[in-house]
Amino acid sequence: MPAEPNLWTTPNGLTLSRLPLTILLCVCVHHHWWPAAFFTFAAAAVTDWVDGWWARRFNQLSMFGRTFDPLTDKVLLGCAFIFLLPVTDSGLEPWMTAVVVGRELLVTGIRGYVETLGKKFGADWFGKLKTIVQCVALLVILFALWMRRLPEAEPLLSVLNVLQYGMIYAMLAATVLSGIQYTMKAARLMGE
């Protein structure tokens, strides 16, 4: 397979930037620095949108980006859920994090196998929707954890609680349903 002409493009740089941002996010969550965690995760989520837009807009699509963009997303999201798990007010249970991480590992394995058969198996609209819902859920969790430390935010806490748990369960539904859809799509491709 010939080498790609230029791996050091803006989209690939943005993709790789999610790895140090993930480390920074984990440090912030570990130390309960909620404003910093919120803005770090928001910045990382924005790079996910910008790298894809930039690659399409300026014709900088690459096999590196196709492979590493979803991988760095999974590292970012998986680490965020794992590090938030022991946080009392995160609203997350071990089974919830297991569903998220398990789905990501399963889909990555299925995708790798299907593509070894010479069939394209990239992200579709449901997978992208799942990622958006996961990002919004994490932003809501981080924002709620931040607001719970501010006495002046107390009147908002009941609304934040409803929003937080609503987003967690919406995220779980999107995660499970997109995992089922990817599995069915893979079965169909393997049967062709």
Protein backbone atom coordinates (compact mmCIF):
# COMPACT_ATOMS: atom_id res chain seq x y z
CA MET A 1 0.00 0.00 0.00
CA PRO A 2 1.55 3.35 -1.00
CA ALA A 3 2.31 5.94 1.67
CA GLU A 4 -0.12 8.83 1.99
CA PRO A 5 1.28 12.07 0.55
CA ASN A 6 0.98 14.18 3.71
CA LEU A 7 -0.09 13.00 7.14
CA TRP A 8 0.59 16.38 8.75
CA THR A 9 -2.58 18.13 7.70
CA THR A 10 -4.78 20.39 9.80
CA PRO A 11 -7.56 17.75 10.15
CA ASN A 12 -5.07 15.10 11.29
CA GLY A 13 -3.51 17.57 13.74
CA LEU A 14 -6.95 18.33 15.17
CA THR A 15 -7.68 14.60 15.44
CA LEU A 16 -4.43 13.96 17.32
CA SER A 17 -5.03 16.98 19.59
CA ARG A 18 -7.83 15.01 21.25
CA LEU A 19 -5.27 12.70 22.87
CA PRO A 20 -3.52 15.38 25.02
CA LEU A 21 -6.93 16.98 25.62
CA THR A 22 -8.14 13.61 26.92
CA ILE A 23 -5.22 13.47 29.36
CA LEU A 24 -5.95 17.01 30.52
CA LEU A 25 -9.65 16.17 30.92
CA CYS A 26 -8.82 13.12 33.05
CA VAL A 27 -6.55 15.23 35.29
CA CYS A 28 -9.30 17.84 35.69
CA VAL A 29 -11.95 15.24 36.54
CA HIS A 30 -9.61 13.47 38.97
CA HIS A 31 -9.03 16.74 40.84
CA HIS A 32 -12.67 17.85 40.53
CA TRP A 33 -11.72 20.98 38.59
CA TRP A 34 -15.16 21.15 37.00
CA PRO A 35 -14.94 24.44 35.04
CA ALA A 36 -11.62 23.32 33.50
CA ALA A 37 -13.04 19.84 32.78
CA PHE A 38 -16.11 21.36 31.11
CA PHE A 39 -14.10 23.67 28.83
CA THR A 40 -11.47 21.01 28.06
CA PHE A 41 -14.13 18.54 26.98
CA ALA A 42 -15.96 21.23 25.00
CA ALA A 43 -12.72 22.09 23.15
CA ALA A 44 -12.07 18.41 22.39
CA ALA A 45 -15.64 17.94 21.11
CA VAL A 46 -15.29 20.98 18.84
CA THR A 47 -12.10 19.54 17.29
CA ASP A 48 -14.13 16.47 16.31
CA TRP A 49 -16.53 18.60 14.30
CA VAL A 50 -13.87 20.92 12.85
CA ASP A 51 -11.51 18.17 11.66
CA GLY A 52 -14.22 16.49 9.58
CA TRP A 53 -15.48 19.79 8.18
CA TRP A 54 -11.94 20.94 7.32
CA ALA A 55 -11.04 17.62 5.66
CA ARG A 56 -14.13 17.75 3.42
CA ARG A 57 -13.97 21.50 2.73
CA PHE A 58 -10.29 21.57 1.75
CA ASN A 59 -10.11 18.06 0.27
CA GLN A 60 -7.75 16.73 2.96
CA LEU A 61 -9.47 13.39 3.52
CA SER A 62 -7.03 10.61 4.34
CA MET A 63 -6.94 6.99 5.45
CA PHE A 64 -5.15 8.17 8.60
CA GLY A 65 -8.06 10.48 9.45
CA ARG A 66 -10.61 7.83 8.52
CA THR A 67 -8.98 5.44 10.98
CA PHE A 68 -7.82 7.73 13.79
CA ASP A 69 -10.72 10.19 13.95
CA PRO A 70 -13.19 7.63 15.32
CA LEU A 71 -10.45 6.04 17.44
CA THR A 72 -9.55 9.31 19.21
CA ASP A 73 -13.29 9.93 19.74
CA LYS A 74 -13.58 6.58 21.48
CA VAL A 75 -10.51 7.27 23.65
CA LEU A 76 -11.89 10.68 24.66
CA LEU A 77 -15.42 9.48 25.41
CA GLY A 78 -14.37 6.21 27.05
CA CYS A 79 -11.87 7.93 29.35
CA ALA A 80 -14.41 10.62 30.26
CA PHE A 81 -17.01 8.05 31.29
CA ILE A 82 -14.46 5.92 33.17
CA PHE A 83 -13.02 8.88 35.11
CA LEU A 84 -16.50 10.20 35.96
CA LEU A 85 -17.68 6.82 37.26
CA PRO A 86 -16.35 7.20 40.84
CA VAL A 87 -17.66 10.79 41.09
CA THR A 88 -20.67 10.66 43.41
CA ASP A 89 -22.92 13.17 41.66
CA SER A 90 -22.06 12.15 38.09
CA GLY A 91 -25.21 10.01 37.89
CA LEU A 92 -23.25 7.21 36.23
CA GLU A 93 -23.39 3.57 37.26
CA PRO A 94 -20.78 0.92 36.36
CA TRP A 95 -23.19 -0.80 33.96
CA MET A 96 -23.70 2.47 32.06
CA THR A 97 -19.99 2.94 31.48
CA ALA A 98 -19.71 -0.74 30.53
CA VAL A 99 -22.45 -0.25 27.90
CA VAL A 100 -20.63 2.75 26.39
CA VAL A 101 -17.14 1.20 26.39
CA GLY A 102 -18.42 -2.25 25.35
CA ARG A 103 -20.34 -0.82 22.40
CA GLU A 104 -17.31 1.14 21.21
CA LEU A 105 -15.00 -1.90 21.40
CA LEU A 106 -17.57 -4.11 19.67
CA VAL A 107 -18.15 -1.67 16.80
CA THR A 108 -14.40 -1.09 16.37
CA GLY A 109 -13.83 -4.85 16.12
CA ILE A 110 -16.72 -5.35 13.71
CA ARG A 111 -15.59 -2.41 11.56
CA GLY A 112 -12.03 -3.72 11.38
CA TYR A 113 -13.21 -7.19 10.38
CA VAL A 114 -15.68 -5.99 7.73
CA GLU A 115 -13.06 -3.70 6.19
CA THR A 116 -10.57 -6.61 5.95
CA LEU A 117 -13.16 -8.19 3.66
CA GLY A 118 -12.75 -5.19 1.34
CA LYS A 119 -16.06 -3.54 2.24
CA LYS A 120 -16.41 0.07 3.40
CA PHE A 121 -17.82 0.37 6.91
CA GLY A 122 -17.56 3.99 7.98
CA ALA A 123 -19.69 6.00 10.35
CA ASP A 124 -23.27 6.69 9.34
CA TRP A 125 -25.80 9.25 10.58
CA PHE A 126 -26.89 7.12 13.58
CA GLY A 127 -23.30 6.68 14.75
CA LYS A 128 -22.75 10.42 14.41
CA LEU A 129 -25.97 11.13 16.30
CA LYS A 130 -24.81 8.76 19.06
CA THR A 131 -21.52 10.66 19.37
CA ILE A 132 -23.35 14.00 19.55
CA VAL A 133 -25.71 12.71 22.26
CA GLN A 134 -22.77 11.27 24.24
CA CYS A 135 -20.94 14.61 24.02
CA VAL A 136 -24.00 16.57 25.11
CA ALA A 137 -24.58 14.16 28.01
CA LEU A 138 -20.98 14.60 29.18
CA LEU A 139 -21.19 18.38 28.89
CA VAL A 140 -24.40 18.36 30.96
CA ILE A 141 -22.80 16.10 33.60
CA LEU A 142 -19.71 18.31 33.84
CA PHE A 143 -21.80 21.49 33.94
CA ALA A 144 -24.04 20.03 36.68
CA LEU A 145 -20.98 19.04 38.74
CA TRP A 146 -19.65 22.58 38.34
CA MET A 147 -22.95 24.21 39.31
CA ARG A 148 -23.36 22.03 42.42
CA ARG A 149 -20.30 23.78 43.89
CA LEU A 150 -21.85 27.24 43.49
CA PRO A 151 -24.31 28.26 46.24
CA GLU A 152 -25.99 30.76 43.92
CA ALA A 153 -26.88 27.94 41.49
CA GLU A 154 -28.99 26.08 44.06
CA PRO A 155 -32.36 27.13 42.53
CA LEU A 156 -31.27 25.53 39.23
CA LEU A 157 -30.22 22.18 40.69
CA SER A 158 -33.58 20.43 40.39
CA VAL A 159 -33.78 21.35 36.69
CA LEU A 160 -30.16 20.32 36.19
CA ASN A 161 -30.83 16.94 37.85
CA VAL A 162 -33.71 16.22 35.48
CA LEU A 163 -31.64 17.33 32.48
CA GLN A 164 -28.61 15.33 33.63
CA TYR A 165 -30.47 12.04 34.12
CA GLY A 166 -32.53 12.60 30.99
CA MET A 167 -29.38 13.04 28.91
CA ILE A 168 -27.71 10.01 30.50
CA TYR A 169 -30.61 7.75 29.53
CA ALA A 170 -30.94 9.33 26.08
CA MET A 171 -27.22 8.70 25.58
CA LEU A 172 -27.59 5.07 26.68
CA ALA A 173 -30.52 4.55 24.29
CA ALA A 174 -28.57 6.06 21.37
CA THR A 175 -25.50 3.98 22.28
CA VAL A 176 -27.39 0.68 22.40
CA LEU A 177 -29.55 1.33 19.34
CA SER A 178 -26.63 2.48 17.20
CA GLY A 179 -24.67 -0.61 18.31
CA ILE A 180 -27.55 -2.86 17.20
CA GLN A 181 -27.81 -0.98 13.91
CA TYR A 182 -24.06 -1.30 13.23
CA THR A 183 -24.20 -5.03 14.00
CA MET A 184 -27.11 -5.54 11.60
CA LYS A 185 -25.36 -3.48 8.91
CA ALA A 186 -22.21 -5.59 9.33
CA ALA A 187 -24.18 -8.84 9.12
CA ARG A 188 -25.79 -7.62 5.89
CA LEU A 189 -22.41 -6.64 4.38
CA MET A 190 -20.84 -9.98 5.36
CA GLY A 191 -23.77 -11.82 3.77
CA GLU A 192 -23.32 -10.12 0.40
